Amino acid sequence: QEIMAYYNKPSWYSDNDYYSESDEGDDEISDEDDDEISDEDDDEISEEDDDEISESDDDEISEEEDDPWNNAIDEQEEYVIITETMKDNNMTVNKYSHKKFKRVTVRGEALFECDKCDNRWSSHNVTIQVDLLRRRVSKKYKQRCVHCPQYWAAPLFTSDRFEKVLDKVADKFSERMDDDSSDEDDDRQPRLEYSAGGNGRPHKQQYCEKCQELGRPCWKYVR
């Protein structure tokens, strides 16, 4: 029948015109198939890429959460924690308060990082002075990097470490309220355990700014 139709076609029909309907159908099917295949491939590639990106992001976030150096707080966060601690412990300080209530020196755990060589270490025997009137850390005693002796690193605190230090400040403030004869500084408190790089030994005097200031190991209890 197709052959007969071909030979009986009108004179104004061209071969191209005669087969155009079939060609268009094939083209439509081909285009649709290509689009579907292309869309499926794109979806699969997109899902794979999304999974890889998502897993990569999760790994980075996990590493940041596990790395305390990445969670070190800034001065603004220190101000908030000091304010909350003073409120929770009913610590009232004004410009007329005695200086021993305005500034409290304590020791605690902190982190260090050398900006020169990226060396990192921790210490359980770091001295800081907290200004309760201005609600800030007025003095952070530094430690020297063992690989870069010319460089002194300032202590860094995570929020939980800083809260523990502030608990000591609150305790000392309360003691001073009960005993007006308390010393202002914290140099005579009992020796604390110390760890640098996890070795658990007291630090050397030449690496500690507080030791240099006192002329003796700052972690020793001196009567």
N, C-alpha and C. Protein backbone atom coordinates (compact mmCIF):
# COMPACT_ATOMS: atom_id res chain seq x y z
N GLN A 1 0.82 -1.20 0.00
CA GLN A 1 0.00 0.00 0.00
C GLN A 1 0.85 1.25 0.00
N GLU A 2 1.97 1.21 0.74
CA GLU A 2 2.85 2.36 0.74
C GLU A 2 3.45 2.59 -0.64
N ILE A 3 3.80 1.49 -1.33
CA ILE A 3 4.37 1.62 -2.68
C ILE A 3 3.35 2.21 -3.64
N MET A 4 2.10 1.72 -3.52
CA MET A 4 1.04 2.25 -4.38
C MET A 4 0.79 3.70 -4.10
N ALA A 5 0.79 4.05 -2.80
CA ALA A 5 0.57 5.45 -2.44
C ALA A 5 1.66 6.32 -2.99
N TYR A 6 2.85 5.77 -3.01
CA TYR A 6 3.97 6.54 -3.52
C TYR A 6 3.81 6.83 -5.00
N TYR A 7 3.43 5.78 -5.78
CA TYR A 7 3.28 6.00 -7.22
C TYR A 7 2.02 6.76 -7.57
N ASN A 8 1.04 6.77 -6.67
CA ASN A 8 -0.19 7.53 -6.92
C ASN A 8 -0.15 8.91 -6.31
N LYS A 9 1.00 9.34 -5.82
CA LYS A 9 1.08 10.65 -5.15
C LYS A 9 0.83 11.76 -6.15
N PRO A 10 0.30 12.90 -5.72
CA PRO A 10 0.05 14.04 -6.61
C PRO A 10 1.35 14.53 -7.21
N SER A 11 1.27 15.17 -8.31
CA SER A 11 2.46 15.66 -9.02
C SER A 11 3.21 16.72 -8.25
N TRP A 12 2.46 17.47 -7.35
CA TRP A 12 3.12 18.54 -6.62
C TRP A 12 3.80 18.03 -5.35
N TYR A 13 3.67 16.69 -5.10
CA TYR A 13 4.30 16.09 -3.93
C TYR A 13 5.75 15.82 -4.21
N SER A 14 6.60 16.15 -3.34
CA SER A 14 8.02 15.79 -3.47
C SER A 14 8.32 14.63 -2.55
N ASP A 15 9.41 13.94 -2.82
CA ASP A 15 9.79 12.82 -1.96
C ASP A 15 10.01 13.27 -0.53
N ASN A 16 10.57 14.44 -0.39
CA ASN A 16 10.81 14.97 0.95
C ASN A 16 9.50 15.22 1.67
N ASP A 17 8.52 15.76 0.93
CA ASP A 17 7.23 16.02 1.54
C ASP A 17 6.53 14.72 1.91
N TYR A 18 6.66 13.73 1.07
CA TYR A 18 5.95 12.47 1.29
C TYR A 18 6.41 11.78 2.57
N TYR A 19 7.68 11.85 2.81
CA TYR A 19 8.23 11.17 3.99
C TYR A 19 8.37 12.08 5.21
N SER A 20 7.91 13.30 5.14
CA SER A 20 8.10 14.26 6.23
C SER A 20 7.38 13.85 7.50
N GLU A 21 6.16 13.25 7.33
CA GLU A 21 5.40 12.86 8.53
C GLU A 21 6.15 11.80 9.32
N SER A 22 6.68 10.82 8.58
CA SER A 22 7.42 9.74 9.26
C SER A 22 8.68 10.27 9.90
N ASP A 23 9.38 11.17 9.16
CA ASP A 23 10.62 11.74 9.70
C ASP A 23 10.35 12.55 10.94
N GLU A 24 9.28 13.33 10.93
CA GLU A 24 8.95 14.15 12.10
C GLU A 24 8.66 13.28 13.31
N GLY A 25 7.94 12.18 13.06
CA GLY A 25 7.65 11.27 14.16
C GLY A 25 8.90 10.70 14.76
N ASP A 26 9.82 10.28 13.84
CA ASP A 26 11.09 9.74 14.33
C ASP A 26 11.87 10.78 15.09
N ASP A 27 11.84 12.01 14.57
CA ASP A 27 12.58 13.09 15.25
C ASP A 27 12.01 13.35 16.62
N GLU A 28 10.66 13.37 16.74
CA GLU A 28 10.03 13.63 18.03
C GLU A 28 10.40 12.56 19.04
N ILE A 29 10.32 11.31 18.60
CA ILE A 29 10.67 10.20 19.49
C ILE A 29 12.13 10.29 19.91
N SER A 30 12.97 10.59 18.90
CA SER A 30 14.40 10.69 19.19
C SER A 30 14.69 11.83 20.16
N ASP A 31 14.04 12.98 19.90
CA ASP A 31 14.26 14.14 20.79
C ASP A 31 13.78 13.84 22.19
N GLU A 32 12.60 13.21 22.30
CA GLU A 32 12.05 12.90 23.63
C GLU A 32 12.97 11.93 24.38
N ASP A 33 13.41 10.89 23.63
CA ASP A 33 14.30 9.92 24.27
C ASP A 33 15.59 10.59 24.74
N ASP A 34 16.14 11.45 23.88
CA ASP A 34 17.38 12.13 24.25
C ASP A 34 17.17 13.00 25.47
N ASP A 35 16.02 13.72 25.50
CA ASP A 35 15.74 14.59 26.65
C ASP A 35 15.61 13.79 27.92
N GLU A 36 14.86 12.66 27.83
CA GLU A 36 14.67 11.84 29.02
C GLU A 36 15.99 11.27 29.51
N ILE A 37 16.77 10.75 28.56
CA ILE A 37 18.07 10.18 28.94
C ILE A 37 18.97 11.25 29.54
N SER A 38 18.95 12.44 28.88
CA SER A 38 19.78 13.53 29.37
C SER A 38 19.36 13.97 30.76
N ASP A 39 18.02 14.06 30.97
CA ASP A 39 17.51 14.48 32.28
C ASP A 39 17.88 13.46 33.35
N GLU A 40 17.75 12.15 32.99
CA GLU A 40 18.09 11.11 33.97
C GLU A 40 19.56 11.17 34.33
N ASP A 41 20.41 11.35 33.30
CA ASP A 41 21.85 11.44 33.56
C ASP A 41 22.17 12.63 34.43
N ASP A 42 21.53 13.77 34.12
CA ASP A 42 21.78 14.98 34.91
C ASP A 42 21.37 14.78 36.35
N ASP A 43 20.19 14.12 36.54
CA ASP A 43 19.71 13.89 37.90
C ASP A 43 20.68 13.01 38.67
N GLU A 44 21.16 11.92 37.98
CA GLU A 44 22.10 11.02 38.66
C GLU A 44 23.39 11.74 39.00
N ILE A 45 23.92 12.51 38.06
CA ILE A 45 25.15 13.25 38.31
C ILE A 45 24.95 14.26 39.42
N SER A 46 23.78 14.96 39.36
CA SER A 46 23.50 15.97 40.37
C SER A 46 23.41 15.36 41.75
N GLU A 47 22.72 14.20 41.85
CA GLU A 47 22.59 13.54 43.15
C GLU A 47 23.94 13.09 43.67
N GLU A 48 24.79 12.55 42.75
CA GLU A 48 26.13 12.12 43.17
C GLU A 48 26.94 13.30 43.66
N ASP A 49 26.88 14.42 42.91
CA ASP A 49 27.62 15.60 43.31
C ASP A 49 27.13 16.12 44.65
N ASP A 50 25.78 16.14 44.83
CA ASP A 50 25.21 16.63 46.08
C ASP A 50 25.66 15.78 47.25
N ASP A 51 25.67 14.43 47.02
CA ASP A 51 26.10 13.52 48.09
C ASP A 51 27.56 13.78 48.46
N GLU A 52 28.41 13.94 47.41
CA GLU A 52 29.83 14.19 47.68
C GLU A 52 30.04 15.50 48.41
N ILE A 53 29.33 16.54 47.96
CA ILE A 53 29.46 17.85 48.61
C ILE A 53 28.96 17.79 50.04
N SER A 54 27.80 17.10 50.22
CA SER A 54 27.23 17.00 51.56
C SER A 54 28.16 16.26 52.50
N GLU A 55 28.73 15.11 52.01
CA GLU A 55 29.66 14.35 52.86
C GLU A 55 30.90 15.16 53.17
N SER A 56 31.37 15.92 52.19
CA SER A 56 32.56 16.75 52.39
C SER A 56 32.30 17.83 53.43
N ASP A 57 31.13 18.48 53.32
CA ASP A 57 30.77 19.52 54.28
C ASP A 57 30.64 18.95 55.68
N ASP A 58 30.01 17.75 55.78
CA ASP A 58 29.84 17.11 57.08
C ASP A 58 31.19 16.81 57.71
N ASP A 59 32.14 16.35 56.90
CA ASP A 59 33.49 16.05 57.41
C ASP A 59 34.16 17.30 57.93
N GLU A 60 34.02 18.41 57.16
CA GLU A 60 34.65 19.66 57.58
C GLU A 60 34.04 20.17 58.86
N ILE A 61 32.70 20.11 58.98
CA ILE A 61 32.02 20.57 60.18
C ILE A 61 32.43 19.72 61.37
N SER A 62 32.51 18.41 61.15
CA SER A 62 32.89 17.50 62.23
C SER A 62 34.31 17.80 62.71
N GLU A 63 35.22 18.06 61.76
CA GLU A 63 36.59 18.38 62.13
C GLU A 63 36.66 19.67 62.92
N GLU A 64 35.86 20.67 62.53
CA GLU A 64 35.85 21.94 63.24
C GLU A 64 35.32 21.77 64.66
N GLU A 65 34.28 20.95 64.81
CA GLU A 65 33.71 20.73 66.13
C GLU A 65 34.69 19.98 67.02
N ASP A 66 35.48 19.07 66.44
CA ASP A 66 36.43 18.28 67.21
C ASP A 66 37.70 19.07 67.54
N ASP A 67 37.94 20.14 66.83
CA ASP A 67 39.16 20.93 67.01
C ASP A 67 38.87 22.13 67.91
N PRO A 68 39.30 22.10 69.18
CA PRO A 68 38.99 23.20 70.09
C PRO A 68 39.57 24.53 69.67
N TRP A 69 40.69 24.51 68.92
CA TRP A 69 41.30 25.76 68.48
C TRP A 69 40.36 26.53 67.54
N ASN A 70 39.54 25.80 66.80
CA ASN A 70 38.58 26.45 65.89
C ASN A 70 37.38 27.01 66.63
N ASN A 71 37.24 26.64 67.90
CA ASN A 71 36.10 27.09 68.69
C ASN A 71 36.49 28.13 69.74
N ALA A 72 37.67 28.71 69.59
CA ALA A 72 38.12 29.73 70.54
C ALA A 72 37.20 30.95 70.48
N ILE A 73 36.87 31.50 71.63
CA ILE A 73 35.96 32.64 71.70
C ILE A 73 36.72 33.95 71.57
N ASP A 74 35.99 35.01 71.20
CA ASP A 74 36.61 36.33 71.07
C ASP A 74 36.27 37.19 72.28
N GLU A 75 36.69 38.45 72.25
CA GLU A 75 36.49 39.35 73.40
C GLU A 75 35.01 39.61 73.68
N GLN A 76 34.22 39.69 72.64
CA GLN A 76 32.79 39.93 72.83
C GLN A 76 32.12 38.76 73.54
N GLU A 77 32.51 37.54 73.18
CA GLU A 77 31.96 36.36 73.84
C GLU A 77 32.46 36.27 75.28
N GLU A 78 33.70 36.68 75.51
CA GLU A 78 34.22 36.72 76.88
C GLU A 78 33.39 37.69 77.73
N TYR A 79 33.06 38.83 77.16
CA TYR A 79 32.24 39.83 77.87
C TYR A 79 30.89 39.24 78.28
N VAL A 80 30.26 38.50 77.37
CA VAL A 80 28.95 37.91 77.66
C VAL A 80 29.05 36.90 78.80
N ILE A 81 30.07 36.05 78.76
CA ILE A 81 30.23 35.02 79.79
C ILE A 81 30.54 35.65 81.14
N ILE A 82 31.38 36.69 81.15
CA ILE A 82 31.68 37.39 82.41
C ILE A 82 30.40 38.01 82.98
N THR A 83 29.62 38.64 82.13
CA THR A 83 28.37 39.27 82.57
C THR A 83 27.41 38.24 83.15
N GLU A 84 27.26 37.11 82.49
CA GLU A 84 26.36 36.06 82.97
C GLU A 84 26.86 35.48 84.30
N THR A 85 28.18 35.30 84.42
CA THR A 85 28.73 34.76 85.66
C THR A 85 28.50 35.72 86.83
N MET A 86 28.69 37.00 86.59
CA MET A 86 28.47 37.99 87.65
C MET A 86 27.01 38.03 88.07
N LYS A 87 26.13 37.91 87.10
CA LYS A 87 24.69 37.92 87.40
C LYS A 87 24.29 36.68 88.19
N ASP A 88 24.78 35.53 87.76
CA ASP A 88 24.41 34.27 88.42
C ASP A 88 24.95 34.19 89.84
N ASN A 89 26.07 34.87 90.12
CA ASN A 89 26.70 34.79 91.44
C ASN A 89 26.53 36.07 92.26
N ASN A 90 25.63 36.95 91.81
CA ASN A 90 25.34 38.21 92.53
C ASN A 90 26.61 39.01 92.83
N MET A 91 27.45 39.11 91.82
CA MET A 91 28.71 39.84 91.96
C MET A 91 28.49 41.28 91.48
N THR A 92 28.49 42.22 92.43
CA THR A 92 28.26 43.63 92.11
C THR A 92 29.55 44.41 92.28
N VAL A 93 29.94 45.09 91.21
CA VAL A 93 31.16 45.89 91.23
C VAL A 93 30.87 47.24 90.59
N ASN A 94 31.35 48.31 91.22
CA ASN A 94 31.24 49.65 90.64
C ASN A 94 32.56 50.39 90.84
N LYS A 95 32.60 51.63 90.39
CA LYS A 95 33.86 52.38 90.44
C LYS A 95 34.32 52.66 91.86
N TYR A 96 33.42 52.55 92.84
CA TYR A 96 33.78 52.80 94.23
C TYR A 96 34.24 51.53 94.95
N SER A 97 34.15 50.39 94.27
CA SER A 97 34.56 49.13 94.88
C SER A 97 36.07 49.11 95.07
N HIS A 98 36.52 48.34 96.07
CA HIS A 98 37.95 48.18 96.29
C HIS A 98 38.56 47.48 95.09
N LYS A 99 39.82 47.79 94.81
CA LYS A 99 40.47 47.24 93.63
C LYS A 99 40.54 45.71 93.64
N LYS A 100 40.55 45.10 94.81
CA LYS A 100 40.63 43.64 94.88
C LYS A 100 39.34 42.98 94.41
N PHE A 101 38.27 43.77 94.37
CA PHE A 101 37.01 43.26 93.83
C PHE A 101 36.86 43.59 92.34
N LYS A 102 37.58 44.60 91.90
CA LYS A 102 37.49 44.99 90.50
C LYS A 102 38.28 44.06 89.60
N ARG A 103 39.43 43.61 90.08
CA ARG A 103 40.29 42.75 89.29
C ARG A 103 40.66 41.49 90.08
N VAL A 104 40.46 40.36 89.45
CA VAL A 104 40.74 39.07 90.09
C VAL A 104 41.65 38.26 89.17
N THR A 105 42.74 37.75 89.75
CA THR A 105 43.69 36.95 88.99
C THR A 105 43.53 35.48 89.33
N VAL A 106 43.40 34.65 88.33
CA VAL A 106 43.21 33.21 88.55
C VAL A 106 44.01 32.44 87.50
N ARG A 107 44.09 31.13 87.73
CA ARG A 107 44.73 30.24 86.76
C ARG A 107 43.68 29.29 86.20
N GLY A 108 43.94 28.82 84.99
CA GLY A 108 43.01 27.88 84.38
C GLY A 108 43.61 27.25 83.14
N GLU A 109 42.79 26.49 82.45
CA GLU A 109 43.23 25.78 81.25
C GLU A 109 42.99 26.63 80.01
N ALA A 110 43.97 26.65 79.12
CA ALA A 110 43.84 27.42 77.88
C ALA A 110 44.60 26.74 76.75
N LEU A 111 44.41 27.26 75.56
CA LEU A 111 45.06 26.75 74.36
C LEU A 111 46.00 27.79 73.80
N PHE A 112 47.01 27.33 73.08
CA PHE A 112 47.97 28.25 72.46
C PHE A 112 48.21 27.81 71.02
N GLU A 113 48.50 28.79 70.18
CA GLU A 113 48.85 28.49 68.79
C GLU A 113 49.86 29.52 68.31
N CYS A 114 50.95 29.01 67.74
CA CYS A 114 52.00 29.88 67.22
C CYS A 114 51.63 30.33 65.81
N ASP A 115 51.61 31.64 65.60
CA ASP A 115 51.28 32.18 64.28
C ASP A 115 52.43 32.03 63.29
N LYS A 116 53.61 31.72 63.81
CA LYS A 116 54.78 31.60 62.93
C LYS A 116 54.89 30.20 62.31
N CYS A 117 54.73 29.17 63.16
CA CYS A 117 54.93 27.80 62.67
C CYS A 117 53.70 26.92 62.83
N ASP A 118 52.59 27.50 63.34
CA ASP A 118 51.33 26.77 63.53
C ASP A 118 51.43 25.68 64.59
N ASN A 119 52.45 25.74 65.43
CA ASN A 119 52.53 24.79 66.55
C ASN A 119 51.40 25.07 67.53
N ARG A 120 50.81 24.00 68.04
CA ARG A 120 49.70 24.12 68.99
C ARG A 120 50.01 23.35 70.26
N TRP A 121 49.58 23.90 71.40
CA TRP A 121 49.74 23.20 72.66
C TRP A 121 48.69 23.70 73.64
N SER A 122 48.52 22.97 74.72
CA SER A 122 47.55 23.35 75.74
C SER A 122 48.24 23.43 77.09
N SER A 123 47.63 24.17 78.00
CA SER A 123 48.20 24.33 79.34
C SER A 123 47.08 24.42 80.36
N HIS A 124 47.26 23.72 81.47
CA HIS A 124 46.30 23.78 82.58
C HIS A 124 46.72 24.82 83.61
N ASN A 125 47.78 25.54 83.33
CA ASN A 125 48.31 26.47 84.32
C ASN A 125 48.57 27.83 83.67
N VAL A 126 47.51 28.44 83.19
CA VAL A 126 47.59 29.73 82.51
C VAL A 126 47.00 30.81 83.41
N THR A 127 47.72 31.89 83.55
CA THR A 127 47.28 32.97 84.43
C THR A 127 46.63 34.09 83.62
N ILE A 128 45.45 34.51 84.09
CA ILE A 128 44.78 35.66 83.49
C ILE A 128 44.24 36.56 84.60
N GLN A 129 44.07 37.81 84.28
CA GLN A 129 43.47 38.77 85.21
C GLN A 129 42.16 39.26 84.60
N VAL A 130 41.07 39.14 85.35
CA VAL A 130 39.74 39.52 84.87
C VAL A 130 39.33 40.84 85.51
N ASP A 131 38.99 41.80 84.66
CA ASP A 131 38.52 43.11 85.10
C ASP A 131 36.99 43.04 85.19
N LEU A 132 36.48 42.90 86.41
CA LEU A 132 35.03 42.75 86.60
C LEU A 132 34.29 44.07 86.40
N LEU A 133 34.97 45.17 86.59
CA LEU A 133 34.32 46.47 86.39
C LEU A 133 34.00 46.69 84.91
N ARG A 134 34.98 46.39 84.07
CA ARG A 134 34.78 46.56 82.61
C ARG A 134 34.35 45.26 81.93
N ARG A 135 34.32 44.19 82.71
CA ARG A 135 33.86 42.89 82.22
C ARG A 135 34.67 42.42 81.01
N ARG A 136 35.96 42.34 81.24
CA ARG A 136 36.86 41.88 80.19
C ARG A 136 38.09 41.24 80.83
N VAL A 137 38.87 40.57 80.04
CA VAL A 137 40.14 40.02 80.52
C VAL A 137 41.20 41.09 80.29
N SER A 138 41.67 41.66 81.37
CA SER A 138 42.61 42.78 81.26
C SER A 138 44.04 42.33 81.01
N LYS A 139 44.34 41.08 81.39
CA LYS A 139 45.70 40.58 81.18
C LYS A 139 45.67 39.08 80.92
N LYS A 140 46.30 38.67 79.82
CA LYS A 140 46.47 37.25 79.51
C LYS A 140 47.97 36.98 79.42
N TYR A 141 48.47 36.19 80.34
CA TYR A 141 49.90 35.90 80.34
C TYR A 141 50.23 34.89 79.25
N LYS A 142 51.21 35.23 78.46
CA LYS A 142 51.55 34.45 77.27
C LYS A 142 52.53 33.33 77.58
N GLN A 143 52.67 32.45 76.61
CA GLN A 143 53.68 31.40 76.68
C GLN A 143 54.47 31.40 75.37
N ARG A 144 55.72 31.00 75.48
CA ARG A 144 56.62 31.02 74.33
C ARG A 144 56.53 29.68 73.57
N CYS A 145 56.54 29.77 72.24
CA CYS A 145 56.55 28.57 71.40
C CYS A 145 57.92 27.92 71.48
N VAL A 146 57.96 26.60 71.67
CA VAL A 146 59.23 25.89 71.80
C VAL A 146 59.99 25.86 70.48
N HIS A 147 59.28 26.01 69.36
CA HIS A 147 59.92 25.99 68.04
C HIS A 147 60.32 27.39 67.56
N CYS A 148 59.63 28.39 68.10
CA CYS A 148 59.92 29.79 67.73
C CYS A 148 60.12 30.58 69.02
N PRO A 149 61.28 30.46 69.64
CA PRO A 149 61.51 31.10 70.96
C PRO A 149 61.28 32.59 70.99
N GLN A 150 61.34 33.24 69.83
CA GLN A 150 61.14 34.68 69.80
C GLN A 150 59.66 35.06 69.80
N TYR A 151 58.79 34.06 69.64
CA TYR A 151 57.36 34.36 69.53
C TYR A 151 56.62 33.96 70.80
N TRP A 152 55.81 34.90 71.32
CA TRP A 152 54.96 34.66 72.48
C TRP A 152 53.51 34.57 72.02
N ALA A 153 52.83 33.50 72.42
CA ALA A 153 51.44 33.29 72.02
C ALA A 153 50.50 33.60 73.18
N ALA A 154 49.43 34.31 72.89
CA ALA A 154 48.42 34.62 73.90
C ALA A 154 47.48 33.42 74.06
N PRO A 155 46.98 33.19 75.27
CA PRO A 155 46.09 32.04 75.49
C PRO A 155 44.75 32.22 74.79
N LEU A 156 44.21 31.11 74.33
CA LEU A 156 42.89 31.07 73.70
C LEU A 156 41.97 30.21 74.57
N PHE A 157 40.70 30.58 74.61
CA PHE A 157 39.74 29.84 75.43
C PHE A 157 38.53 29.41 74.61
N THR A 158 38.09 28.18 74.85
CA THR A 158 36.78 27.78 74.36
C THR A 158 35.78 28.24 75.42
N SER A 159 34.51 28.23 75.08
CA SER A 159 33.51 28.74 76.02
C SER A 159 33.47 27.93 77.31
N ASP A 160 33.60 26.60 77.20
CA ASP A 160 33.54 25.78 78.41
C ASP A 160 34.77 25.99 79.29
N ARG A 161 35.95 26.15 78.67
CA ARG A 161 37.16 26.41 79.45
C ARG A 161 37.07 27.78 80.14
N PHE A 162 36.54 28.75 79.43
CA PHE A 162 36.46 30.10 80.02
C PHE A 162 35.43 30.13 81.15
N GLU A 163 34.37 29.38 81.01
CA GLU A 163 33.37 29.31 82.08
C GLU A 163 33.97 28.71 83.36
N LYS A 164 34.83 27.71 83.18
CA LYS A 164 35.49 27.11 84.35
C LYS A 164 36.42 28.11 85.03
N VAL A 165 37.11 28.91 84.22
CA VAL A 165 37.98 29.95 84.78
C VAL A 165 37.14 30.98 85.55
N LEU A 166 36.00 31.34 84.97
CA LEU A 166 35.12 32.31 85.62
C LEU A 166 34.52 31.77 86.91
N ASP A 167 34.34 30.45 87.01
CA ASP A 167 33.88 29.85 88.27
C ASP A 167 34.90 30.10 89.37
N LYS A 168 36.18 30.03 89.01
CA LYS A 168 37.24 30.32 89.98
C LYS A 168 37.22 31.79 90.39
N VAL A 169 36.93 32.65 89.41
CA VAL A 169 36.83 34.08 89.70
C VAL A 169 35.69 34.33 90.69
N ALA A 170 34.56 33.68 90.48
CA ALA A 170 33.41 33.85 91.37
C ALA A 170 33.73 33.35 92.78
N ASP A 171 34.42 32.21 92.86
CA ASP A 171 34.79 31.67 94.17
C ASP A 171 35.74 32.63 94.89
N LYS A 172 36.70 33.16 94.17
CA LYS A 172 37.68 34.06 94.78
C LYS A 172 37.02 35.38 95.20
N PHE A 173 36.10 35.84 94.39
CA PHE A 173 35.37 37.07 94.72
C PHE A 173 34.59 36.87 96.02
N SER A 174 33.95 35.71 96.15
CA SER A 174 33.19 35.41 97.36
C SER A 174 34.10 35.34 98.59
N GLU A 175 35.28 34.73 98.43
CA GLU A 175 36.23 34.65 99.53
C GLU A 175 36.68 36.03 99.97
N ARG A 176 36.87 36.90 99.01
CA ARG A 176 37.32 38.26 99.34
C ARG A 176 36.22 39.06 100.03
N MET A 177 35.01 38.74 99.68
CA MET A 177 33.89 39.39 100.37
C MET A 177 33.85 38.97 101.83
N ASP A 178 34.19 37.71 102.08
CA ASP A 178 34.18 37.18 103.44
C ASP A 178 35.43 37.57 104.22
N ASP A 179 36.51 37.78 103.50
CA ASP A 179 37.77 38.09 104.16
C ASP A 179 38.46 39.25 103.44
N ASP A 180 38.37 40.42 103.98
CA ASP A 180 38.93 41.61 103.33
C ASP A 180 40.44 41.60 103.30
N SER A 181 41.07 40.66 104.01
CA SER A 181 42.53 40.61 104.05
C SER A 181 43.10 39.72 102.96
N SER A 182 42.26 39.20 102.07
CA SER A 182 42.75 38.31 101.01
C SER A 182 43.70 39.04 100.09
N ASP A 183 44.72 38.34 99.63
CA ASP A 183 45.66 38.93 98.68
C ASP A 183 44.97 39.16 97.35
N GLU A 184 45.39 40.20 96.66
CA GLU A 184 44.79 40.50 95.36
C GLU A 184 45.22 39.50 94.30
N ASP A 185 46.49 39.12 94.33
CA ASP A 185 47.00 38.24 93.29
C ASP A 185 46.78 36.79 93.69
N ASP A 186 47.03 35.90 92.74
CA ASP A 186 46.76 34.48 92.92
C ASP A 186 48.05 33.67 92.96
N ASP A 187 49.17 34.34 93.24
CA ASP A 187 50.46 33.67 93.14
C ASP A 187 50.71 32.69 94.28
N ARG A 188 49.94 32.78 95.37
CA ARG A 188 50.21 31.92 96.52
C ARG A 188 49.22 30.77 96.62
N GLN A 189 48.44 30.53 95.58
CA GLN A 189 47.50 29.42 95.65
C GLN A 189 48.25 28.10 95.49
N PRO A 190 47.66 26.98 95.93
CA PRO A 190 48.34 25.68 95.81
C PRO A 190 48.67 25.36 94.36
N ARG A 191 49.73 24.58 94.22
CA ARG A 191 50.20 24.21 92.88
C ARG A 191 49.10 23.45 92.13
N LEU A 192 48.97 23.76 90.84
CA LEU A 192 47.99 23.09 89.99
C LEU A 192 48.70 22.15 89.02
N GLU A 193 48.00 21.13 88.59
CA GLU A 193 48.55 20.22 87.59
C GLU A 193 48.68 20.96 86.27
N TYR A 194 49.63 20.56 85.49
CA TYR A 194 49.91 21.25 84.24
C TYR A 194 50.18 20.23 83.14
N SER A 195 49.72 20.54 81.94
CA SER A 195 50.06 19.68 80.81
C SER A 195 50.32 20.54 79.59
N ALA A 196 51.42 20.30 78.92
CA ALA A 196 51.74 21.00 77.68
C ALA A 196 51.97 19.95 76.62
N GLY A 197 51.10 19.95 75.62
CA GLY A 197 51.21 18.93 74.59
C GLY A 197 50.91 17.53 75.12
N GLY A 198 50.22 17.46 76.27
CA GLY A 198 49.79 16.18 76.81
C GLY A 198 50.83 15.47 77.65
N ASN A 199 51.96 16.12 77.97
CA ASN A 199 53.00 15.41 78.73
C ASN A 199 52.78 15.48 80.24
N GLY A 200 51.89 16.36 80.70
CA GLY A 200 51.52 16.39 82.10
C GLY A 200 52.56 16.98 83.04
N ARG A 201 53.65 17.54 82.52
CA ARG A 201 54.71 18.09 83.38
C ARG A 201 54.60 19.60 83.47
N PRO A 202 55.07 20.19 84.59
CA PRO A 202 55.06 21.66 84.70
C PRO A 202 55.89 22.29 83.59
N HIS A 203 55.46 23.46 83.18
CA HIS A 203 56.20 24.11 82.09
C HIS A 203 57.50 24.74 82.60
N LYS A 204 58.41 25.00 81.69
CA LYS A 204 59.68 25.62 82.04
C LYS A 204 59.51 27.12 82.17
N GLN A 205 60.27 27.69 83.09
CA GLN A 205 60.14 29.12 83.37
C GLN A 205 60.36 29.99 82.14
N GLN A 206 61.34 29.62 81.33
CA GLN A 206 61.69 30.47 80.20
C GLN A 206 60.60 30.54 79.13
N TYR A 207 59.62 29.64 79.24
CA TYR A 207 58.53 29.64 78.25
C TYR A 207 57.26 30.31 78.77
N CYS A 208 57.29 30.82 79.99
CA CYS A 208 56.09 31.40 80.58
C CYS A 208 56.30 32.86 80.98
N GLU A 209 55.43 33.72 80.53
CA GLU A 209 55.53 35.15 80.83
C GLU A 209 55.32 35.42 82.31
N LYS A 210 54.41 34.67 82.94
CA LYS A 210 54.15 34.85 84.36
C LYS A 210 55.36 34.43 85.20
N CYS A 211 55.99 33.34 84.81
CA CYS A 211 57.20 32.90 85.51
C CYS A 211 58.29 33.96 85.39
N GLN A 212 58.43 34.56 84.22
CA GLN A 212 59.43 35.60 83.99
C GLN A 212 59.14 36.81 84.87
N GLU A 213 57.87 37.14 85.03
CA GLU A 213 57.49 38.29 85.85
C GLU A 213 57.79 38.05 87.33
N LEU A 214 57.52 36.81 87.80
CA LEU A 214 57.71 36.49 89.21
C LEU A 214 59.16 36.17 89.55
N GLY A 215 59.92 35.70 88.54
CA GLY A 215 61.29 35.27 88.81
C GLY A 215 61.36 33.91 89.45
N ARG A 216 60.31 33.15 89.33
CA ARG A 216 60.20 31.80 89.88
C ARG A 216 59.09 31.07 89.13
N PRO A 217 59.00 29.75 89.27
CA PRO A 217 57.92 29.02 88.63
C PRO A 217 56.56 29.50 89.15
N CYS A 218 55.68 29.89 88.25
CA CYS A 218 54.39 30.43 88.67
C CYS A 218 53.49 29.33 89.24
N TRP A 219 53.80 28.07 88.93
CA TRP A 219 52.95 26.98 89.38
C TRP A 219 53.34 26.45 90.75
N LYS A 220 54.41 27.01 91.34
CA LYS A 220 54.84 26.56 92.66
C LYS A 220 54.09 27.30 93.75
N TYR A 221 53.78 26.55 94.81
CA TYR A 221 53.14 27.15 95.97
C TYR A 221 54.21 27.70 96.90
N VAL A 222 54.22 28.99 97.10
CA VAL A 222 55.24 29.64 97.94
C VAL A 222 54.59 30.24 99.17
N ARG A 223 55.04 29.84 100.33
CA ARG A 223 54.50 30.38 101.57
C ARG A 223 55.25 31.66 101.98
